[in-house]
N, C-alpha and C. Protein backbone atom coordinates (compact mmCIF):
# COMPACT_ATOMS: atom_id res chain seq x y z
N MET A 1 10.11 11.65 2.38
CA MET A 1 10.34 10.24 2.42
C MET A 1 11.47 9.93 1.47
N GLN A 2 12.45 9.16 1.90
CA GLN A 2 13.59 8.79 1.09
C GLN A 2 13.37 7.40 0.51
N ALA A 3 13.55 7.27 -0.79
CA ALA A 3 13.38 5.98 -1.45
C ALA A 3 14.61 5.12 -1.22
N THR A 4 14.38 3.84 -1.07
CA THR A 4 15.47 2.88 -0.94
C THR A 4 15.32 1.85 -2.05
N LYS A 5 16.40 1.14 -2.34
CA LYS A 5 16.34 0.12 -3.38
C LYS A 5 15.68 -1.16 -2.85
N VAL A 6 14.85 -1.75 -3.69
CA VAL A 6 14.18 -3.00 -3.37
C VAL A 6 14.58 -4.01 -4.43
N SER A 7 15.22 -5.08 -4.03
CA SER A 7 15.66 -6.13 -4.95
C SER A 7 16.49 -5.57 -6.10
N GLY A 8 17.29 -4.55 -5.83
CA GLY A 8 18.14 -3.99 -6.85
C GLY A 8 17.45 -3.07 -7.83
N LEU A 9 16.15 -2.86 -7.67
CA LEU A 9 15.39 -1.99 -8.56
C LEU A 9 15.04 -0.70 -7.84
N SER A 10 14.94 0.39 -8.58
CA SER A 10 14.51 1.64 -7.98
C SER A 10 13.00 1.61 -7.84
N PRO A 11 12.47 1.82 -6.65
CA PRO A 11 11.02 1.75 -6.43
C PRO A 11 10.32 3.00 -6.96
N LYS A 12 9.03 2.85 -7.19
CA LYS A 12 8.16 3.96 -7.58
C LYS A 12 7.06 4.06 -6.53
N TRP A 13 6.76 5.26 -6.09
CA TRP A 13 5.68 5.49 -5.14
C TRP A 13 4.48 6.02 -5.92
N ARG A 14 3.29 5.47 -5.67
CA ARG A 14 2.06 5.91 -6.33
C ARG A 14 0.98 6.14 -5.27
N ALA A 15 0.35 7.30 -5.34
CA ALA A 15 -0.78 7.57 -4.44
C ALA A 15 -1.94 6.67 -4.85
N THR A 16 -2.59 6.05 -3.87
CA THR A 16 -3.71 5.16 -4.18
C THR A 16 -5.03 5.91 -4.23
N GLY A 17 -5.04 7.15 -3.75
CA GLY A 17 -6.29 7.90 -3.68
C GLY A 17 -7.16 7.44 -2.52
N ASP A 18 -6.60 6.58 -1.66
CA ASP A 18 -7.30 6.05 -0.48
C ASP A 18 -8.60 5.34 -0.83
N GLY A 19 -8.66 4.82 -2.06
CA GLY A 19 -9.86 4.10 -2.50
C GLY A 19 -9.47 2.89 -3.31
N ASP A 20 -10.38 2.46 -4.17
CA ASP A 20 -10.08 1.31 -5.02
C ASP A 20 -8.93 1.66 -5.95
N TYR A 21 -7.89 0.84 -5.92
CA TYR A 21 -6.70 1.09 -6.73
C TYR A 21 -6.05 -0.24 -7.06
N VAL A 22 -5.81 -0.47 -8.35
CA VAL A 22 -5.10 -1.66 -8.81
C VAL A 22 -3.73 -1.19 -9.32
N PRO A 23 -2.65 -1.62 -8.65
CA PRO A 23 -1.31 -1.18 -9.06
C PRO A 23 -1.00 -1.58 -10.50
N GLU A 24 -0.33 -0.68 -11.23
CA GLU A 24 0.02 -0.97 -12.62
C GLU A 24 1.28 -1.82 -12.72
N ASP A 25 2.04 -1.94 -11.65
CA ASP A 25 3.24 -2.77 -11.58
C ASP A 25 3.16 -3.62 -10.32
N VAL A 26 4.18 -4.42 -10.05
CA VAL A 26 4.22 -5.25 -8.86
C VAL A 26 4.29 -4.35 -7.62
N CYS A 27 3.36 -4.54 -6.70
CA CYS A 27 3.31 -3.75 -5.47
C CYS A 27 3.87 -4.60 -4.33
N VAL A 28 4.96 -4.11 -3.72
CA VAL A 28 5.64 -4.86 -2.66
C VAL A 28 5.42 -4.27 -1.27
N GLY A 29 4.56 -3.25 -1.18
CA GLY A 29 4.27 -2.66 0.11
C GLY A 29 3.57 -1.32 -0.04
N PHE A 30 3.34 -0.67 1.10
CA PHE A 30 2.69 0.63 1.07
C PHE A 30 3.03 1.43 2.32
N PHE A 31 2.89 2.74 2.20
CA PHE A 31 3.15 3.68 3.28
C PHE A 31 1.83 4.36 3.63
N VAL A 32 1.59 4.58 4.93
CA VAL A 32 0.36 5.23 5.39
C VAL A 32 0.72 6.50 6.15
N ASN A 33 0.18 7.65 5.69
CA ASN A 33 0.41 8.92 6.38
C ASN A 33 -0.36 9.01 7.68
N VAL A 34 -1.67 8.79 7.62
CA VAL A 34 -2.53 8.88 8.80
C VAL A 34 -3.15 7.52 9.04
N GLY A 35 -2.88 6.96 10.20
CA GLY A 35 -3.27 5.59 10.51
C GLY A 35 -4.75 5.31 10.49
N GLY A 36 -5.06 4.04 10.37
CA GLY A 36 -6.42 3.53 10.34
C GLY A 36 -6.38 2.14 9.71
N VAL A 37 -7.52 1.69 9.26
CA VAL A 37 -7.60 0.37 8.62
C VAL A 37 -7.30 0.51 7.13
N VAL A 38 -6.49 -0.42 6.61
CA VAL A 38 -6.24 -0.52 5.17
C VAL A 38 -6.74 -1.88 4.71
N SER A 39 -7.64 -1.87 3.73
CA SER A 39 -8.15 -3.10 3.15
C SER A 39 -7.45 -3.33 1.81
N PHE A 40 -6.86 -4.52 1.65
CA PHE A 40 -6.16 -4.82 0.41
C PHE A 40 -6.22 -6.32 0.13
N ASP A 41 -6.00 -6.67 -1.14
CA ASP A 41 -5.99 -8.07 -1.55
C ASP A 41 -4.55 -8.52 -1.75
N SER A 42 -4.23 -9.71 -1.24
CA SER A 42 -2.90 -10.29 -1.37
C SER A 42 -3.04 -11.80 -1.45
N ALA A 43 -2.45 -12.39 -2.48
CA ALA A 43 -2.48 -13.85 -2.67
C ALA A 43 -3.90 -14.41 -2.61
N GLY A 44 -4.85 -13.67 -3.24
CA GLY A 44 -6.23 -14.15 -3.31
C GLY A 44 -7.06 -13.94 -2.07
N GLU A 45 -6.51 -13.30 -1.05
CA GLU A 45 -7.22 -13.05 0.21
C GLU A 45 -7.40 -11.55 0.41
N THR A 46 -8.52 -11.15 1.01
CA THR A 46 -8.72 -9.76 1.41
C THR A 46 -8.25 -9.61 2.85
N ILE A 47 -7.37 -8.64 3.07
CA ILE A 47 -6.79 -8.39 4.38
C ILE A 47 -7.21 -7.00 4.83
N GLU A 48 -7.65 -6.88 6.08
CA GLU A 48 -7.97 -5.58 6.68
C GLU A 48 -7.04 -5.41 7.87
N ALA A 49 -6.04 -4.52 7.70
CA ALA A 49 -5.01 -4.35 8.73
C ALA A 49 -5.11 -2.97 9.35
N GLU A 50 -5.04 -2.91 10.68
CA GLU A 50 -4.96 -1.65 11.42
C GLU A 50 -3.51 -1.19 11.34
N VAL A 51 -3.29 -0.01 10.76
CA VAL A 51 -1.94 0.49 10.50
C VAL A 51 -1.78 1.85 11.18
N GLY A 52 -0.65 2.05 11.86
CA GLY A 52 -0.38 3.32 12.53
C GLY A 52 0.10 4.39 11.56
N SER A 53 0.04 5.64 11.98
CA SER A 53 0.52 6.75 11.16
C SER A 53 2.02 6.62 10.90
N GLY A 54 2.43 6.96 9.69
CA GLY A 54 3.84 6.94 9.33
C GLY A 54 4.44 5.55 9.25
N THR A 55 3.61 4.56 8.88
CA THR A 55 4.06 3.17 8.86
C THR A 55 4.28 2.68 7.43
N LEU A 56 5.37 1.93 7.24
CA LEU A 56 5.66 1.27 5.97
C LEU A 56 5.39 -0.22 6.16
N ILE A 57 4.50 -0.77 5.36
CA ILE A 57 4.14 -2.19 5.43
C ILE A 57 4.68 -2.89 4.19
N THR A 58 5.34 -4.03 4.37
CA THR A 58 5.76 -4.83 3.23
C THR A 58 4.75 -5.94 3.02
N ALA A 59 4.21 -6.01 1.81
CA ALA A 59 3.23 -7.03 1.45
C ALA A 59 3.08 -7.02 -0.06
N ASN A 60 2.82 -8.17 -0.64
CA ASN A 60 2.50 -8.24 -2.07
C ASN A 60 1.03 -7.89 -2.21
N VAL A 61 0.74 -6.75 -2.80
CA VAL A 61 -0.63 -6.25 -2.89
C VAL A 61 -1.09 -6.25 -4.35
N SER A 62 -2.23 -6.90 -4.60
CA SER A 62 -2.77 -6.92 -5.96
C SER A 62 -3.85 -5.85 -6.15
N ARG A 63 -4.44 -5.38 -5.03
CA ARG A 63 -5.51 -4.37 -5.10
C ARG A 63 -5.70 -3.74 -3.73
N PHE A 64 -5.93 -2.43 -3.74
CA PHE A 64 -6.34 -1.70 -2.53
C PHE A 64 -7.85 -1.49 -2.63
N ASN A 65 -8.56 -1.67 -1.52
CA ASN A 65 -10.01 -1.60 -1.51
C ASN A 65 -10.50 -0.38 -0.73
N ALA A 66 -11.47 0.34 -1.30
CA ALA A 66 -12.06 1.49 -0.61
C ALA A 66 -12.91 1.03 0.57
N ALA A 67 -13.63 -0.08 0.38
CA ALA A 67 -14.51 -0.59 1.43
C ALA A 67 -13.70 -0.93 2.67
N ASN A 68 -14.11 -0.42 3.80
CA ASN A 68 -13.51 -0.66 5.12
C ASN A 68 -12.13 -0.02 5.31
N THR A 69 -11.68 0.81 4.37
CA THR A 69 -10.41 1.53 4.55
C THR A 69 -10.69 2.87 5.20
N SER A 70 -10.01 3.14 6.33
CA SER A 70 -10.16 4.43 7.02
C SER A 70 -8.84 5.20 7.08
N ALA A 71 -7.72 4.56 6.75
CA ALA A 71 -6.43 5.24 6.73
C ALA A 71 -6.41 6.26 5.60
N VAL A 72 -5.55 7.27 5.75
CA VAL A 72 -5.49 8.36 4.76
C VAL A 72 -4.04 8.55 4.32
N GLY A 73 -3.87 8.90 3.05
CA GLY A 73 -2.53 9.14 2.52
C GLY A 73 -1.78 7.85 2.30
N ILE A 74 -2.39 6.92 1.57
CA ILE A 74 -1.77 5.63 1.30
C ILE A 74 -1.00 5.69 -0.01
N PHE A 75 0.27 5.29 0.05
CA PHE A 75 1.12 5.29 -1.13
C PHE A 75 1.64 3.88 -1.38
N ALA A 76 1.41 3.37 -2.59
CA ALA A 76 1.87 2.04 -2.96
C ALA A 76 3.33 2.09 -3.38
N LEU A 77 4.10 1.07 -2.98
CA LEU A 77 5.50 0.93 -3.35
C LEU A 77 5.58 -0.09 -4.48
N LEU A 78 5.89 0.39 -5.69
CA LEU A 78 5.90 -0.46 -6.87
C LEU A 78 7.34 -0.69 -7.35
N THR A 79 7.55 -1.88 -7.94
CA THR A 79 8.86 -2.17 -8.51
C THR A 79 8.75 -2.35 -10.00
């Protein structure tokens, strides 16, 4: 996977462990290796999104949730 610049900053990729994960920096999206449902919190709402394999999603994420997550190989994009 090749990193690209986001808002002029070099991004950092962090493995979420496919479970409960609170990003240590601002999370502007995530990448999914093996598709399935990803449960995450954004702007005070819990979102459960069906995501395909090899997909990059842009979203402001405050927390990834283990409950109801079936996707595997989730990497948070931090700035």
